[in-house]
Amino acid sequence: MKVINSLKTAKLRDKNCRLVRRRGRIYVINKRNPRFKARQG
């Protein structure tokens, strides 16, 4: 899991990436390829 300032670029890395808000943090999750996980905040 990477902590990134801009999640817009992280979301565009793969077409299966999804933006999710959990507990005030924004996450990028990818079920198909978990190495694209990232969070902000």
PDB file of N, CA and C in Angstrom:
ATOM      1  N   MET A   1       0.844  -1.187   0.000  1.00  0.00           N
ATOM      2  CA  MET A   1       0.000   0.000   0.000  1.00  0.00           C
ATOM      3  C   MET A   1       0.885   1.244   0.000  1.00  0.00           C
ATOM      4  N   LYS A   2       0.645   2.110  -0.972  1.00  0.00           N
ATOM      5  CA  LYS A   2       1.418   3.346  -1.062  1.00  0.00           C
ATOM      6  C   LYS A   2       0.559   4.509  -0.562  1.00  0.00           C
ATOM      7  N   VAL A   3       1.209   5.479   0.061  1.00  0.00           N
ATOM      8  CA  VAL A   3       0.539   6.719   0.456  1.00  0.00           C
ATOM      9  C   VAL A   3       0.942   7.781  -0.558  1.00  0.00           C
ATOM     10  N   ILE A   4      -0.040   8.309  -1.283  1.00  0.00           N
ATOM     11  CA  ILE A   4       0.225   9.213  -2.397  1.00  0.00           C
ATOM     12  C   ILE A   4      -0.538  10.521  -2.192  1.00  0.00           C
ATOM     13  N   ASN A   5       0.033  11.618  -2.693  1.00  0.00           N
ATOM     14  CA  ASN A   5      -0.660  12.899  -2.599  1.00  0.00           C
ATOM     15  C   ASN A   5      -1.843  12.971  -3.559  1.00  0.00           C
ATOM     16  N   SER A   6      -1.619  12.566  -4.798  1.00  0.00           N
ATOM     17  CA  SER A   6      -2.679  12.650  -5.802  1.00  0.00           C
ATOM     18  C   SER A   6      -3.127  11.258  -6.190  1.00  0.00           C
ATOM     19  N   LEU A   7      -4.390  10.949  -5.905  1.00  0.00           N
ATOM     20  CA  LEU A   7      -4.906   9.627  -6.235  1.00  0.00           C
ATOM     21  C   LEU A   7      -5.469   9.568  -7.648  1.00  0.00           C
ATOM     22  N   LYS A   8      -5.572  10.723  -8.293  1.00  0.00           N
ATOM     23  CA  LYS A   8      -6.095  10.718  -9.656  1.00  0.00           C
ATOM     24  C   LYS A   8      -5.168   9.933 -10.580  1.00  0.00           C
ATOM     25  N   THR A   9      -3.861  10.123 -10.412  1.00  0.00           N
ATOM     26  CA  THR A   9      -2.916   9.391 -11.247  1.00  0.00           C
ATOM     27  C   THR A   9      -2.911   7.913 -10.880  1.00  0.00           C
ATOM     28  N   ALA A  10      -3.097   7.611  -9.593  1.00  0.00           N
ATOM     29  CA  ALA A  10      -3.121   6.206  -9.157  1.00  0.00           C
ATOM     30  C   ALA A  10      -4.330   5.484  -9.733  1.00  0.00           C
ATOM     31  N   LYS A  11      -5.445   6.199  -9.834  1.00  0.00           N
ATOM     32  CA  LYS A  11      -6.653   5.584 -10.353  1.00  0.00           C
ATOM     33  C   LYS A  11      -6.507   5.263 -11.845  1.00  0.00           C
ATOM     34  N   LEU A  12      -5.750   6.071 -12.557  1.00  0.00           N
ATOM     35  CA  LEU A  12      -5.627   5.889 -14.007  1.00  0.00           C
ATOM     36  C   LEU A  12      -4.624   4.804 -14.388  1.00  0.00           C
ATOM     37  N   ARG A  13      -3.911   4.254 -13.407  1.00  0.00           N
ATOM     38  CA  ARG A  13      -2.890   3.262 -13.745  1.00  0.00           C
ATOM     39  C   ARG A  13      -3.478   1.971 -14.285  1.00  0.00           C
ATOM     40  N   ASP A  14      -4.691   1.638 -13.854  1.00  0.00           N
ATOM     41  CA  ASP A  14      -5.289   0.375 -14.283  1.00  0.00           C
ATOM     42  C   ASP A  14      -6.792   0.563 -14.372  1.00  0.00           C
ATOM     43  N   LYS A  15      -7.431  -0.131 -15.320  1.00  0.00           N
ATOM     44  CA  LYS A  15      -8.861   0.110 -15.505  1.00  0.00           C
ATOM     45  C   LYS A  15      -9.721  -0.510 -14.417  1.00  0.00           C
ATOM     46  N   ASN A  16      -9.160  -1.406 -13.603  1.00  0.00           N
ATOM     47  CA  ASN A  16      -9.938  -2.029 -12.529  1.00  0.00           C
ATOM     48  C   ASN A  16      -9.841  -1.287 -11.204  1.00  0.00           C
ATOM     49  N   CYS A  17      -9.129  -0.167 -11.185  1.00  0.00           N
ATOM     50  CA  CYS A  17      -8.957   0.580  -9.931  1.00  0.00           C
ATOM     51  C   CYS A  17     -10.253   1.283  -9.547  1.00  0.00           C
ATOM     52  N   ARG A  18     -10.565   1.280  -8.244  1.00  0.00           N
ATOM     53  CA  ARG A  18     -11.750   1.969  -7.729  1.00  0.00           C
ATOM     54  C   ARG A  18     -11.343   2.905  -6.609  1.00  0.00           C
ATOM     55  N   LEU A  19     -12.028   4.048  -6.514  1.00  0.00           N
ATOM     56  CA  LEU A  19     -11.814   4.991  -5.414  1.00  0.00           C
ATOM     57  C   LEU A  19     -12.842   4.703  -4.331  1.00  0.00           C
ATOM     58  N   VAL A  20     -12.375   4.536  -3.092  1.00  0.00           N
ATOM     59  CA  VAL A  20     -13.258   4.225  -1.973  1.00  0.00           C
ATOM     60  C   VAL A  20     -12.914   5.132  -0.807  1.00  0.00           C
ATOM     61  N   ARG A  21     -13.958   5.644  -0.119  1.00  0.00           N
ATOM     62  CA  ARG A  21     -13.731   6.443   1.093  1.00  0.00           C
ATOM     63  C   ARG A  21     -14.035   5.596   2.307  1.00  0.00           C
ATOM     64  N   ARG A  22     -13.046   5.480   3.206  1.00  0.00           N
ATOM     65  CA  ARG A  22     -13.253   4.735   4.444  1.00  0.00           C
ATOM     66  C   ARG A  22     -12.618   5.497   5.596  1.00  0.00           C
ATOM     67  N   ARG A  23     -13.418   5.776   6.613  1.00  0.00           N
ATOM     68  CA  ARG A  23     -12.933   6.428   7.838  1.00  0.00           C
ATOM     69  C   ARG A  23     -12.149   7.711   7.542  1.00  0.00           C
ATOM     70  N   GLY A  24     -12.666   8.521   6.626  1.00  0.00           N
ATOM     71  CA  GLY A  24     -12.032   9.801   6.332  1.00  0.00           C
ATOM     72  C   GLY A  24     -10.819   9.715   5.435  1.00  0.00           C
ATOM     73  N   ARG A  25     -10.434   8.511   5.036  1.00  0.00           N
ATOM     74  CA  ARG A  25      -9.308   8.352   4.133  1.00  0.00           C
ATOM     75  C   ARG A  25      -9.830   7.898   2.776  1.00  0.00           C
ATOM     76  N   ILE A  26      -9.100   8.253   1.739  1.00  0.00           N
ATOM     77  CA  ILE A  26      -9.491   7.849   0.395  1.00  0.00           C
ATOM     78  C   ILE A  26      -8.532   6.768  -0.072  1.00  0.00           C
ATOM     79  N   TYR A  27      -9.091   5.669  -0.558  1.00  0.00           N
ATOM     80  CA  TYR A  27      -8.288   4.522  -0.973  1.00  0.00           C
ATOM     81  C   TYR A  27      -8.500   4.234  -2.450  1.00  0.00           C
ATOM     82  N   VAL A  28      -7.443   3.733  -3.087  1.00  0.00           N
ATOM     83  CA  VAL A  28      -7.579   3.133  -4.404  1.00  0.00           C
ATOM     84  C   VAL A  28      -7.407   1.640  -4.203  1.00  0.00           C
ATOM     85  N   ILE A  29      -8.428   0.871  -4.578  1.00  0.00           N
ATOM     86  CA  ILE A  29      -8.320  -0.576  -4.440  1.00  0.00           C
ATOM     87  C   ILE A  29      -8.498  -1.215  -5.811  1.00  0.00           C
ATOM     88  N   ASN A  30      -7.892  -2.384  -5.960  1.00  0.00           N
ATOM     89  CA  ASN A  30      -7.951  -3.096  -7.219  1.00  0.00           C
ATOM     90  C   ASN A  30      -8.042  -4.581  -6.906  1.00  0.00           C
ATOM     91  N   LYS A  31      -9.199  -5.167  -7.184  1.00  0.00           N
ATOM     92  CA  LYS A  31      -9.404  -6.580  -6.858  1.00  0.00           C
ATOM     93  C   LYS A  31      -8.564  -7.492  -7.735  1.00  0.00           C
ATOM     94  N   ARG A  32      -8.434  -7.128  -9.010  1.00  0.00           N
ATOM     95  CA  ARG A  32      -7.705  -7.989  -9.942  1.00  0.00           C
ATOM     96  C   ARG A  32      -6.218  -7.972  -9.675  1.00  0.00           C
ATOM     97  N   ASN A  33      -5.677  -6.770  -9.392  1.00  0.00           N
ATOM     98  CA  ASN A  33      -4.227  -6.638  -9.238  1.00  0.00           C
ATOM     99  C   ASN A  33      -3.950  -5.836  -7.973  1.00  0.00           C
ATOM    100  N   PRO A  34      -3.776  -6.490  -6.826  1.00  0.00           N
ATOM    101  CA  PRO A  34      -3.694  -5.793  -5.537  1.00  0.00           C
ATOM    102  C   PRO A  34      -2.461  -4.899  -5.381  1.00  0.00           C
ATOM    103  N   ARG A  35      -1.510  -4.974  -6.300  1.00  0.00           N
ATOM    104  CA  ARG A  35      -0.326  -4.132  -6.103  1.00  0.00           C
ATOM    105  C   ARG A  35      -0.602  -2.667  -6.419  1.00  0.00           C
ATOM    106  N   PHE A  36      -1.774  -2.351  -6.943  1.00  0.00           N
ATOM    107  CA  PHE A  36      -2.127  -0.964  -7.216  1.00  0.00           C
ATOM    108  C   PHE A  36      -2.787  -0.270  -6.030  1.00  0.00           C
ATOM    109  N   LYS A  37      -2.783  -0.914  -4.859  1.00  0.00           N
ATOM    110  CA  LYS A  37      -3.427  -0.305  -3.698  1.00  0.00           C
ATOM    111  C   LYS A  37      -2.703   0.973  -3.281  1.00  0.00           C
ATOM    112  N   ALA A  38      -3.487   2.005  -2.932  1.00  0.00           N
ATOM    113  CA  ALA A  38      -2.904   3.256  -2.480  1.00  0.00           C
ATOM    114  C   ALA A  38      -3.901   3.944  -1.566  1.00  0.00           C
ATOM    115  N   ARG A  39      -3.381   4.885  -0.755  1.00  0.00           N
ATOM    116  CA  ARG A  39      -4.285   5.661   0.080  1.00  0.00           C
ATOM    117  C   ARG A  39      -3.810   7.086   0.177  1.00  0.00           C
ATOM    118  N   GLN A  40      -4.736   7.980   0.545  1.00  0.00           N
ATOM    119  CA  GLN A  40      -4.436   9.386   0.745  1.00  0.00           C
ATOM    120  C   GLN A  40      -5.102   9.826   2.030  1.00  0.00           C
ATOM    121  N   GLY A  41      -4.355  10.630   2.843  1.00  0.00           N
ATOM    122  CA  GLY A  41      -4.917  11.149   4.081  1.00  0.00           C
ATOM    123  C   GLY A  41      -4.545  10.333   5.294  1.00  0.00           C
TER     124      GLY A  41
END
